[in-house]
Amino acid sequence: MEMVQRVSDVSTVDFLEWMEGMNYKIFLPDRNTCQSVPVDSLATLFAEWGSLGRIEGLLLLPPEKTFLLDS
């Protein structure tokens, strides 16, 4: 989570809240199943994230593109 702030000087929370405010949907790709799991709550995502040094990809999609995950 720290990489967003490191490269942009914007906090990860602020960035993801901004994206949600633009109606983007946030997904966390599962490394084992290769499925993208929807993030229902930023509070839950941050609470369960663990170490701030943990590096994971997040997928952010505008609502009209989420159908792409169904195929």
PDB file of N, CA and C in Angstrom:
ATOM      1  N   MET A   1       0.814  -1.189   0.000  1.00  0.00           N
ATOM      2  CA  MET A   1       0.000   0.000   0.000  1.00  0.00           C
ATOM      3  C   MET A   1       0.861   1.258   0.000  1.00  0.00           C
ATOM      4  N   GLU A   2       2.079   1.119   0.456  1.00  0.00           N
ATOM      5  CA  GLU A   2       2.929   2.302   0.550  1.00  0.00           C
ATOM      6  C   GLU A   2       3.406   2.807  -0.811  1.00  0.00           C
ATOM      7  N   MET A   3       3.344   1.977  -1.837  1.00  0.00           N
ATOM      8  CA  MET A   3       3.881   2.370  -3.138  1.00  0.00           C
ATOM      9  C   MET A   3       3.128   3.548  -3.750  1.00  0.00           C
ATOM     10  N   VAL A   4       1.825   3.620  -3.553  1.00  0.00           N
ATOM     11  CA  VAL A   4       1.056   4.738  -4.102  1.00  0.00           C
ATOM     12  C   VAL A   4       1.614   6.049  -3.570  1.00  0.00           C
ATOM     13  N   GLN A   5       1.782   6.099  -2.256  1.00  0.00           N
ATOM     14  CA  GLN A   5       2.291   7.333  -1.664  1.00  0.00           C
ATOM     15  C   GLN A   5       3.744   7.581  -2.066  1.00  0.00           C
ATOM     16  N   ARG A   6       4.512   6.540  -2.163  1.00  0.00           N
ATOM     17  CA  ARG A   6       5.924   6.699  -2.498  1.00  0.00           C
ATOM     18  C   ARG A   6       6.106   7.313  -3.884  1.00  0.00           C
ATOM     19  N   VAL A   7       5.293   6.895  -4.846  1.00  0.00           N
ATOM     20  CA  VAL A   7       5.473   7.384  -6.214  1.00  0.00           C
ATOM     21  C   VAL A   7       4.636   8.620  -6.540  1.00  0.00           C
ATOM     22  N   SER A   8       3.605   8.901  -5.730  1.00  0.00           N
ATOM     23  CA  SER A   8       2.726  10.019  -6.086  1.00  0.00           C
ATOM     24  C   SER A   8       2.584  11.076  -5.007  1.00  0.00           C
ATOM     25  N   ASP A   9       3.054  10.798  -3.808  1.00  0.00           N
ATOM     26  CA  ASP A   9       2.906  11.692  -2.663  1.00  0.00           C
ATOM     27  C   ASP A   9       1.434  11.903  -2.303  1.00  0.00           C
ATOM     28  N   VAL A  10       0.588  10.927  -2.650  1.00  0.00           N
ATOM     29  CA  VAL A  10      -0.828  10.910  -2.276  1.00  0.00           C
ATOM     30  C   VAL A  10      -1.022   9.655  -1.437  1.00  0.00           C
ATOM     31  N   SER A  11      -1.716   9.766  -0.312  1.00  0.00           N
ATOM     32  CA  SER A  11      -1.905   8.578   0.521  1.00  0.00           C
ATOM     33  C   SER A  11      -2.765   7.554  -0.209  1.00  0.00           C
ATOM     34  N   THR A  12      -2.535   6.303   0.087  1.00  0.00           N
ATOM     35  CA  THR A  12      -3.296   5.229  -0.531  1.00  0.00           C
ATOM     36  C   THR A  12      -4.776   5.363  -0.216  1.00  0.00           C
ATOM     37  N   VAL A  13      -5.093   5.712   1.033  1.00  0.00           N
ATOM     38  CA  VAL A  13      -6.490   5.890   1.421  1.00  0.00           C
ATOM     39  C   VAL A  13      -7.129   6.988   0.585  1.00  0.00           C
ATOM     40  N   ASP A  14      -6.459   8.130   0.468  1.00  0.00           N
ATOM     41  CA  ASP A  14      -7.011   9.234  -0.324  1.00  0.00           C
ATOM     42  C   ASP A  14      -7.210   8.834  -1.781  1.00  0.00           C
ATOM     43  N   PHE A  15      -6.234   8.127  -2.337  1.00  0.00           N
ATOM     44  CA  PHE A  15      -6.340   7.710  -3.738  1.00  0.00           C
ATOM     45  C   PHE A  15      -7.514   6.765  -3.956  1.00  0.00           C
ATOM     46  N   LEU A  16      -7.621   5.735  -3.109  1.00  0.00           N
ATOM     47  CA  LEU A  16      -8.693   4.761  -3.299  1.00  0.00           C
ATOM     48  C   LEU A  16     -10.065   5.369  -3.013  1.00  0.00           C
ATOM     49  N   GLU A  17     -10.154   6.263  -2.039  1.00  0.00           N
ATOM     50  CA  GLU A  17     -11.428   6.960  -1.797  1.00  0.00           C
ATOM     51  C   GLU A  17     -11.795   7.826  -2.999  1.00  0.00           C
ATOM     52  N   TRP A  18     -10.817   8.462  -3.607  1.00  0.00           N
ATOM     53  CA  TRP A  18     -11.055   9.278  -4.796  1.00  0.00           C
ATOM     54  C   TRP A  18     -11.575   8.412  -5.946  1.00  0.00           C
ATOM     55  N   MET A  19     -10.935   7.250  -6.135  1.00  0.00           N
ATOM     56  CA  MET A  19     -11.382   6.342  -7.193  1.00  0.00           C
ATOM     57  C   MET A  19     -12.800   5.838  -6.928  1.00  0.00           C
ATOM     58  N   GLU A  20     -13.104   5.491  -5.679  1.00  0.00           N
ATOM     59  CA  GLU A  20     -14.465   5.070  -5.343  1.00  0.00           C
ATOM     60  C   GLU A  20     -15.455   6.208  -5.602  1.00  0.00           C
ATOM     61  N   GLY A  21     -15.037   7.428  -5.306  1.00  0.00           N
ATOM     62  CA  GLY A  21     -15.887   8.585  -5.551  1.00  0.00           C
ATOM     63  C   GLY A  21     -16.194   8.775  -7.027  1.00  0.00           C
ATOM     64  N   MET A  22     -15.334   8.247  -7.890  1.00  0.00           N
ATOM     65  CA  MET A  22     -15.569   8.303  -9.335  1.00  0.00           C
ATOM     66  C   MET A  22     -16.278   7.035  -9.807  1.00  0.00           C
ATOM     67  N   ASN A  23     -16.808   6.261  -8.850  1.00  0.00           N
ATOM     68  CA  ASN A  23     -17.575   5.031  -9.091  1.00  0.00           C
ATOM     69  C   ASN A  23     -16.749   3.863  -9.612  1.00  0.00           C
ATOM     70  N   TYR A  24     -15.436   3.940  -9.469  1.00  0.00           N
ATOM     71  CA  TYR A  24     -14.616   2.789  -9.851  1.00  0.00           C
ATOM     72  C   TYR A  24     -14.823   1.675  -8.840  1.00  0.00           C
ATOM     73  N   LYS A  25     -14.791   0.454  -9.317  1.00  0.00           N
ATOM     74  CA  LYS A  25     -14.882  -0.723  -8.461  1.00  0.00           C
ATOM     75  C   LYS A  25     -13.465  -1.242  -8.238  1.00  0.00           C
ATOM     76  N   ILE A  26     -13.196  -1.646  -7.017  1.00  0.00           N
ATOM     77  CA  ILE A  26     -11.861  -2.094  -6.638  1.00  0.00           C
ATOM     78  C   ILE A  26     -11.887  -3.597  -6.406  1.00  0.00           C
ATOM     79  N   PHE A  27     -10.915  -4.277  -6.984  1.00  0.00           N
ATOM     80  CA  PHE A  27     -10.809  -5.731  -6.871  1.00  0.00           C
ATOM     81  C   PHE A  27      -9.391  -6.093  -6.437  1.00  0.00           C
ATOM     82  N   LEU A  28      -9.288  -7.182  -5.697  1.00  0.00           N
ATOM     83  CA  LEU A  28      -8.005  -7.724  -5.287  1.00  0.00           C
ATOM     84  C   LEU A  28      -7.835  -9.077  -5.977  1.00  0.00           C
ATOM     85  N   PRO A  29      -6.910  -9.166  -6.924  1.00  0.00           N
ATOM     86  CA  PRO A  29      -6.692 -10.459  -7.591  1.00  0.00           C
ATOM     87  C   PRO A  29      -6.171 -11.503  -6.604  1.00  0.00           C
ATOM     88  N   ASP A  30      -6.765 -12.680  -6.626  1.00  0.00           N
ATOM     89  CA  ASP A  30      -6.354 -13.785  -5.762  1.00  0.00           C
ATOM     90  C   ASP A  30      -5.221 -14.535  -6.463  1.00  0.00           C
ATOM     91  N   ARG A  31      -4.098 -14.647  -5.808  1.00  0.00           N
ATOM     92  CA  ARG A  31      -2.921 -15.296  -6.420  1.00  0.00           C
ATOM     93  C   ARG A  31      -3.138 -16.782  -6.687  1.00  0.00           C
ATOM     94  N   ASN A  32      -3.963 -17.424  -5.875  1.00  0.00           N
ATOM     95  CA  ASN A  32      -4.167 -18.868  -6.021  1.00  0.00           C
ATOM     96  C   ASN A  32      -5.165 -19.213  -7.109  1.00  0.00           C
ATOM     97  N   THR A  33      -6.239 -18.440  -7.213  1.00  0.00           N
ATOM     98  CA  THR A  33      -7.303 -18.786  -8.154  1.00  0.00           C
ATOM     99  C   THR A  33      -7.305 -17.926  -9.414  1.00  0.00           C
ATOM    100  N   CYS A  34      -6.543 -16.855  -9.405  1.00  0.00           N
ATOM    101  CA  CYS A  34      -6.506 -15.890 -10.505  1.00  0.00           C
ATOM    102  C   CYS A  34      -7.853 -15.186 -10.704  1.00  0.00           C
ATOM    103  N   GLN A  35      -8.721 -15.276  -9.713  1.00  0.00           N
ATOM    104  CA  GLN A  35      -9.999 -14.567  -9.745  1.00  0.00           C
ATOM    105  C   GLN A  35      -9.824 -13.211  -9.078  1.00  0.00           C
ATOM    106  N   SER A  36     -10.598 -12.244  -9.516  1.00  0.00           N
ATOM    107  CA  SER A  36     -10.559 -10.919  -8.909  1.00  0.00           C
ATOM    108  C   SER A  36     -11.692 -10.808  -7.902  1.00  0.00           C
ATOM    109  N   VAL A  37     -11.325 -10.613  -6.647  1.00  0.00           N
ATOM    110  CA  VAL A  37     -12.277 -10.547  -5.549  1.00  0.00           C
ATOM    111  C   VAL A  37     -12.656  -9.089  -5.319  1.00  0.00           C
ATOM    112  N   PRO A  38     -13.953  -8.767  -5.333  1.00  0.00           N
ATOM    113  CA  PRO A  38     -14.343  -7.379  -5.120  1.00  0.00           C
ATOM    114  C   PRO A  38     -14.027  -6.916  -3.704  1.00  0.00           C
ATOM    115  N   VAL A  39     -13.587  -5.681  -3.589  1.00  0.00           N
ATOM    116  CA  VAL A  39     -13.341  -5.056  -2.296  1.00  0.00           C
ATOM    117  C   VAL A  39     -14.633  -4.339  -1.917  1.00  0.00           C
ATOM    118  N   ASP A  40     -15.308  -4.851  -0.903  1.00  0.00           N
ATOM    119  CA  ASP A  40     -16.588  -4.278  -0.497  1.00  0.00           C
ATOM    120  C   ASP A  40     -16.418  -3.047   0.380  1.00  0.00           C
ATOM    121  N   SER A  41     -15.304  -2.988   1.085  1.00  0.00           N
ATOM    122  CA  SER A  41     -15.089  -1.896   2.031  1.00  0.00           C
ATOM    123  C   SER A  41     -13.599  -1.589   2.133  1.00  0.00           C
ATOM    124  N   LEU A  42     -13.256  -0.329   1.972  1.00  0.00           N
ATOM    125  CA  LEU A  42     -11.848   0.051   2.132  1.00  0.00           C
ATOM    126  C   LEU A  42     -11.387  -0.185   3.561  1.00  0.00           C
ATOM    127  N   ALA A  43     -12.270   0.034   4.527  1.00  0.00           N
ATOM    128  CA  ALA A  43     -11.911  -0.195   5.932  1.00  0.00           C
ATOM    129  C   ALA A  43     -11.507  -1.652   6.147  1.00  0.00           C
ATOM    130  N   THR A  44     -12.270  -2.573   5.572  1.00  0.00           N
ATOM    131  CA  THR A  44     -11.948  -3.998   5.697  1.00  0.00           C
ATOM    132  C   THR A  44     -10.660  -4.323   4.965  1.00  0.00           C
ATOM    133  N   LEU A  45     -10.482  -3.779   3.779  1.00  0.00           N
ATOM    134  CA  LEU A  45      -9.252  -4.015   3.014  1.00  0.00           C
ATOM    135  C   LEU A  45      -8.032  -3.608   3.833  1.00  0.00           C
ATOM    136  N   PHE A  46      -8.066  -2.416   4.417  1.00  0.00           N
ATOM    137  CA  PHE A  46      -6.918  -1.942   5.184  1.00  0.00           C
ATOM    138  C   PHE A  46      -6.738  -2.723   6.479  1.00  0.00           C
ATOM    139  N   ALA A  47      -7.833  -3.118   7.114  1.00  0.00           N
ATOM    140  CA  ALA A  47      -7.747  -3.873   8.363  1.00  0.00           C
ATOM    141  C   ALA A  47      -7.126  -5.249   8.145  1.00  0.00           C
ATOM    142  N   GLU A  48      -7.405  -5.850   6.984  1.00  0.00           N
ATOM    143  CA  GLU A  48      -6.918  -7.198   6.700  1.00  0.00           C
ATOM    144  C   GLU A  48      -5.618  -7.220   5.900  1.00  0.00           C
ATOM    145  N   TRP A  49      -5.110  -6.062   5.513  1.00  0.00           N
ATOM    146  CA  TRP A  49      -3.947  -5.995   4.624  1.00  0.00           C
ATOM    147  C   TRP A  49      -2.686  -6.534   5.278  1.00  0.00           C
ATOM    148  N   GLY A  50      -2.507  -6.250   6.552  1.00  0.00           N
ATOM    149  CA  GLY A  50      -1.285  -6.679   7.228  1.00  0.00           C
ATOM    150  C   GLY A  50      -0.217  -5.616   7.085  1.00  0.00           C
ATOM    151  N   SER A  51       0.980  -6.021   6.746  1.00  0.00           N
ATOM    152  CA  SER A  51       2.119  -5.114   6.640  1.00  0.00           C
ATOM    153  C   SER A  51       1.928  -4.093   5.524  1.00  0.00           C
ATOM    154  N   LEU A  52       2.256  -2.838   5.820  1.00  0.00           N
ATOM    155  CA  LEU A  52       2.183  -1.808   4.787  1.00  0.00           C
ATOM    156  C   LEU A  52       3.184  -2.075   3.665  1.00  0.00           C
ATOM    157  N   GLY A  53       4.196  -2.882   3.939  1.00  0.00           N
ATOM    158  CA  GLY A  53       5.170  -3.235   2.915  1.00  0.00           C
ATOM    159  C   GLY A  53       4.712  -4.354   1.999  1.00  0.00           C
ATOM    160  N   ARG A  54       3.565  -4.952   2.295  1.00  0.00           N
ATOM    161  CA  ARG A  54       3.021  -6.030   1.452  1.00  0.00           C
ATOM    162  C   ARG A  54       2.718  -5.479   0.065  1.00  0.00           C
ATOM    163  N   ILE A  55       3.197  -6.165  -0.940  1.00  0.00           N
ATOM    164  CA  ILE A  55       2.996  -5.716  -2.313  1.00  0.00           C
ATOM    165  C   ILE A  55       1.993  -6.639  -2.996  1.00  0.00           C
ATOM    166  N   GLU A  56       0.895  -6.060  -3.417  1.00  0.00           N
ATOM    167  CA  GLU A  56      -0.158  -6.766  -4.144  1.00  0.00           C
ATOM    168  C   GLU A  56      -0.657  -5.841  -5.232  1.00  0.00           C
ATOM    169  N   GLY A  57      -1.201  -6.416  -6.256  1.00  0.00           N
ATOM    170  CA  GLY A  57      -1.848  -5.615  -7.276  1.00  0.00           C
ATOM    171  C   GLY A  57      -3.307  -5.389  -6.912  1.00  0.00           C
ATOM    172  N   LEU A  58      -3.814  -4.253  -7.274  1.00  0.00           N
ATOM    173  CA  LEU A  58      -5.239  -3.972  -7.162  1.00  0.00           C
ATOM    174  C   LEU A  58      -5.754  -3.691  -8.565  1.00  0.00           C
ATOM    175  N   LEU A  59      -6.962  -4.097  -8.825  1.00  0.00           N
ATOM    176  CA  LEU A  59      -7.587  -3.848 -10.106  1.00  0.00           C
ATOM    177  C   LEU A  59      -8.698  -2.835  -9.884  1.00  0.00           C
ATOM    178  N   LEU A  60      -8.663  -1.745 -10.627  1.00  0.00           N
ATOM    179  CA  LEU A  60      -9.691  -0.710 -10.523  1.00  0.00           C
ATOM    180  C   LEU A  60     -10.376  -0.577 -11.872  1.00  0.00           C
ATOM    181  N   LEU A  61     -11.685  -0.758 -11.867  1.00  0.00           N
ATOM    182  CA  LEU A  61     -12.454  -0.724 -13.116  1.00  0.00           C
ATOM    183  C   LEU A  61     -13.633   0.225 -12.988  1.00  0.00           C
ATOM    184  N   PRO A  62     -13.914   0.974 -14.060  1.00  0.00           N
ATOM    185  CA  PRO A  62     -15.163   1.742 -14.051  1.00  0.00           C
ATOM    186  C   PRO A  62     -16.322   0.746 -14.116  1.00  0.00           C
ATOM    187  N   PRO A  63     -17.484   1.110 -13.571  1.00  0.00           N
ATOM    188  CA  PRO A  63     -18.593   0.146 -13.495  1.00  0.00           C
ATOM    189  C   PRO A  63     -18.984  -0.456 -14.834  1.00  0.00           C
ATOM    190  N   GLU A  64     -18.854   0.297 -15.917  1.00  0.00           N
ATOM    191  CA  GLU A  64     -19.262  -0.237 -17.216  1.00  0.00           C
ATOM    192  C   GLU A  64     -18.292  -1.282 -17.761  1.00  0.00           C
ATOM    193  N   LYS A  65     -17.171  -1.480 -17.093  1.00  0.00           N
ATOM    194  CA  LYS A  65     -16.191  -2.478 -17.552  1.00  0.00           C
ATOM    195  C   LYS A  65     -16.114  -3.712 -16.659  1.00  0.00           C
ATOM    196  N   THR A  66     -16.862  -3.740 -15.550  1.00  0.00           N
ATOM    197  CA  THR A  66     -16.764  -4.891 -14.653  1.00  0.00           C
ATOM    198  C   THR A  66     -17.255  -6.182 -15.310  1.00  0.00           C
ATOM    199  N   PHE A  67     -18.039  -6.072 -16.360  1.00  0.00           N
ATOM    200  CA  PHE A  67     -18.494  -7.273 -17.072  1.00  0.00           C
ATOM    201  C   PHE A  67     -17.312  -8.080 -17.607  1.00  0.00           C
ATOM    202  N   LEU A  68     -16.185  -7.440 -17.813  1.00  0.00           N
ATOM    203  CA  LEU A  68     -15.016  -8.131 -18.337  1.00  0.00           C
ATOM    204  C   LEU A  68     -14.534  -9.233 -17.401  1.00  0.00           C
ATOM    205  N   LEU A  69     -14.854  -9.120 -16.122  1.00  0.00           N
ATOM    206  CA  LEU A  69     -14.435 -10.136 -15.155  1.00  0.00           C
ATOM    207  C   LEU A  69     -15.314 -11.371 -15.222  1.00  0.00           C
ATOM    208  N   ASP A  70     -16.464 -11.282 -15.864  1.00  0.00           N
ATOM    209  CA  ASP A  70     -17.382 -12.409 -15.943  1.00  0.00           C
ATOM    210  C   ASP A  70     -17.011 -13.399 -17.041  1.00  0.00           C
ATOM    211  N   SER A  71     -16.121 -13.006 -17.937  1.00  0.00           N
ATOM    212  CA  SER A  71     -15.801 -13.899 -19.058  1.00  0.00           C
ATOM    213  C   SER A  71     -14.579 -14.736 -18.804  1.00  0.00           C
TER     214      SER A  71
END
